[in-house]
Amino acid sequence: MKIYWNGERKNVIGSRVKELRKKQDISQKILATRLSLSGIDFTELTILRIEKGTRFVPDYELSVIADYFHVTSDYLLGRTNKE
């Protein structure tokens, strides 16, 4: 299976995740711990790579992240500015 991405970025949600995390004034480690409560394994390194755009984000993780921050997946994807 070949996976495609836009240049160096493997996801488009990284900047929004970082922005939302900083709004809550929490570390990447705390965010990873809280997201892991969903049953999906997140680590501090996972969050770092998502925020830097160097990690692919599958749809099931996108859903968990959107639910945690109480935003839509469209917001995370940059399709709307409305949280």
C-alpha atoms as a PDB file:
ATOM      1  CA  MET A   1       0.000   0.000   0.000  1.00  0.00           C
ATOM      2  CA  LYS A   2       1.340   3.401  -0.924  1.00  0.00           C
ATOM      3  CA  ILE A   3       0.482   6.330   1.307  1.00  0.00           C
ATOM      4  CA  TYR A   4       0.455   9.835  -0.109  1.00  0.00           C
ATOM      5  CA  TRP A   5       0.957  13.109   1.666  1.00  0.00           C
ATOM      6  CA  ASN A   6       1.394  16.764   0.865  1.00  0.00           C
ATOM      7  CA  GLY A   7       5.152  17.330   0.694  1.00  0.00           C
ATOM      8  CA  GLU A   8       6.658  16.984   4.146  1.00  0.00           C
ATOM      9  CA  ARG A   9       3.357  17.123   6.037  1.00  0.00           C
ATOM     10  CA  LYS A  10       1.571  13.860   6.712  1.00  0.00           C
ATOM     11  CA  ASN A  11      -1.457  15.500   8.320  1.00  0.00           C
ATOM     12  CA  VAL A  12      -3.246  18.835   8.231  1.00  0.00           C
ATOM     13  CA  ILE A  13      -4.549  18.880  11.804  1.00  0.00           C
ATOM     14  CA  GLY A  14      -1.269  19.405  13.646  1.00  0.00           C
ATOM     15  CA  SER A  15      -1.414  23.172  13.971  1.00  0.00           C
ATOM     16  CA  ARG A  16      -5.013  23.080  15.229  1.00  0.00           C
ATOM     17  CA  VAL A  17      -4.204  20.349  17.763  1.00  0.00           C
ATOM     18  CA  LYS A  18      -1.291  22.418  19.068  1.00  0.00           C
ATOM     19  CA  GLU A  19      -3.442  25.557  19.221  1.00  0.00           C
ATOM     20  CA  LEU A  20      -6.218  23.776  21.144  1.00  0.00           C
ATOM     21  CA  ARG A  21      -3.747  22.108  23.505  1.00  0.00           C
ATOM     22  CA  LYS A  22      -2.108  25.432  24.301  1.00  0.00           C
ATOM     23  CA  LYS A  23      -5.534  27.034  24.910  1.00  0.00           C
ATOM     24  CA  GLN A  24      -6.053  24.430  27.618  1.00  0.00           C
ATOM     25  CA  ASP A  25      -2.522  25.109  28.903  1.00  0.00           C
ATOM     26  CA  ILE A  26      -1.635  21.410  29.043  1.00  0.00           C
ATOM     27  CA  SER A  27       1.501  19.549  28.026  1.00  0.00           C
ATOM     28  CA  GLN A  28       1.750  17.027  25.225  1.00  0.00           C
ATOM     29  CA  LYS A  29       2.152  14.324  27.861  1.00  0.00           C
ATOM     30  CA  ILE A  30      -1.073  15.281  29.633  1.00  0.00           C
ATOM     31  CA  LEU A  31      -2.960  15.415  26.330  1.00  0.00           C
ATOM     32  CA  ALA A  32      -1.626  11.978  25.393  1.00  0.00           C
ATOM     33  CA  THR A  33      -2.720  10.571  28.743  1.00  0.00           C
ATOM     34  CA  ARG A  34      -6.205  12.029  28.424  1.00  0.00           C
ATOM     35  CA  LEU A  35      -6.635  10.845  24.840  1.00  0.00           C
ATOM     36  CA  SER A  36      -5.480   7.359  25.852  1.00  0.00           C
ATOM     37  CA  LEU A  37      -8.525   7.112  28.113  1.00  0.00           C
ATOM     38  CA  SER A  38     -10.473   6.535  24.875  1.00  0.00           C
ATOM     39  CA  GLY A  39      -8.780   3.149  24.558  1.00  0.00           C
ATOM     40  CA  ILE A  40      -6.437   4.222  21.764  1.00  0.00           C
ATOM     41  CA  ASP A  41      -2.767   4.395  22.674  1.00  0.00           C
ATOM     42  CA  PHE A  42      -1.402   7.944  22.478  1.00  0.00           C
ATOM     43  CA  THR A  43       2.043   8.898  23.744  1.00  0.00           C
ATOM     44  CA  GLU A  44       3.811  12.211  24.177  1.00  0.00           C
ATOM     45  CA  LEU A  45       5.794  11.366  21.041  1.00  0.00           C
ATOM     46  CA  THR A  46       2.546  10.694  19.153  1.00  0.00           C
ATOM     47  CA  ILE A  47       1.274  14.178  20.021  1.00  0.00           C
ATOM     48  CA  LEU A  48       4.612  15.774  19.125  1.00  0.00           C
ATOM     49  CA  ARG A  49       4.598  14.107  15.716  1.00  0.00           C
ATOM     50  CA  ILE A  50       0.964  15.003  15.058  1.00  0.00           C
ATOM     51  CA  GLU A  51       1.642  18.645  15.928  1.00  0.00           C
ATOM     52  CA  LYS A  52       4.739  18.723  13.711  1.00  0.00           C
ATOM     53  CA  GLY A  53       2.824  17.075  10.869  1.00  0.00           C
ATOM     54  CA  THR A  54       5.220  14.140  10.635  1.00  0.00           C
ATOM     55  CA  ARG A  55       2.692  11.467  11.583  1.00  0.00           C
ATOM     56  CA  PHE A  56      -0.369  10.229   9.737  1.00  0.00           C
ATOM     57  CA  VAL A  57      -3.603  10.545  11.695  1.00  0.00           C
ATOM     58  CA  PRO A  58      -6.166   7.832  10.953  1.00  0.00           C
ATOM     59  CA  ASP A  59      -9.854   8.697  10.990  1.00  0.00           C
ATOM     60  CA  TYR A  60     -10.504   6.937  14.301  1.00  0.00           C
ATOM     61  CA  GLU A  61      -7.833   9.083  16.000  1.00  0.00           C
ATOM     62  CA  LEU A  62      -9.208  12.229  14.363  1.00  0.00           C
ATOM     63  CA  SER A  63     -12.578  11.432  15.888  1.00  0.00           C
ATOM     64  CA  VAL A  64     -11.112  10.925  19.374  1.00  0.00           C
ATOM     65  CA  ILE A  65      -9.154  14.190  19.176  1.00  0.00           C
ATOM     66  CA  ALA A  66     -12.188  16.151  17.943  1.00  0.00           C
ATOM     67  CA  ASP A  67     -14.368  14.693  20.705  1.00  0.00           C
ATOM     68  CA  TYR A  68     -11.790  15.503  23.385  1.00  0.00           C
ATOM     69  CA  PHE A  69     -11.541  19.158  22.323  1.00  0.00           C
ATOM     70  CA  HIS A  70     -15.300  19.424  21.627  1.00  0.00           C
ATOM     71  CA  VAL A  71     -14.687  20.577  18.054  1.00  0.00           C
ATOM     72  CA  THR A  72     -15.698  19.179  14.682  1.00  0.00           C
ATOM     73  CA  SER A  73     -13.385  17.158  12.503  1.00  0.00           C
ATOM     74  CA  ASP A  74     -13.903  19.862   9.864  1.00  0.00           C
ATOM     75  CA  TYR A  75     -12.386  22.373  12.266  1.00  0.00           C
ATOM     76  CA  LEU A  76      -9.348  20.175  12.839  1.00  0.00           C
ATOM     77  CA  LEU A  77      -9.017  19.645   9.092  1.00  0.00           C
ATOM     78  CA  GLY A  78      -9.074  23.395   8.463  1.00  0.00           C
ATOM     79  CA  ARG A  79     -12.324  23.285   6.494  1.00  0.00           C
ATOM     80  CA  THR A  80     -13.970  25.786   8.838  1.00  0.00           C
ATOM     81  CA  ASN A  81     -12.891  28.310  11.446  1.00  0.00           C
ATOM     82  CA  LYS A  82     -15.924  27.537  13.579  1.00  0.00           C
ATOM     83  CA  GLU A  83     -14.964  25.275  16.465  1.00  0.00           C
END
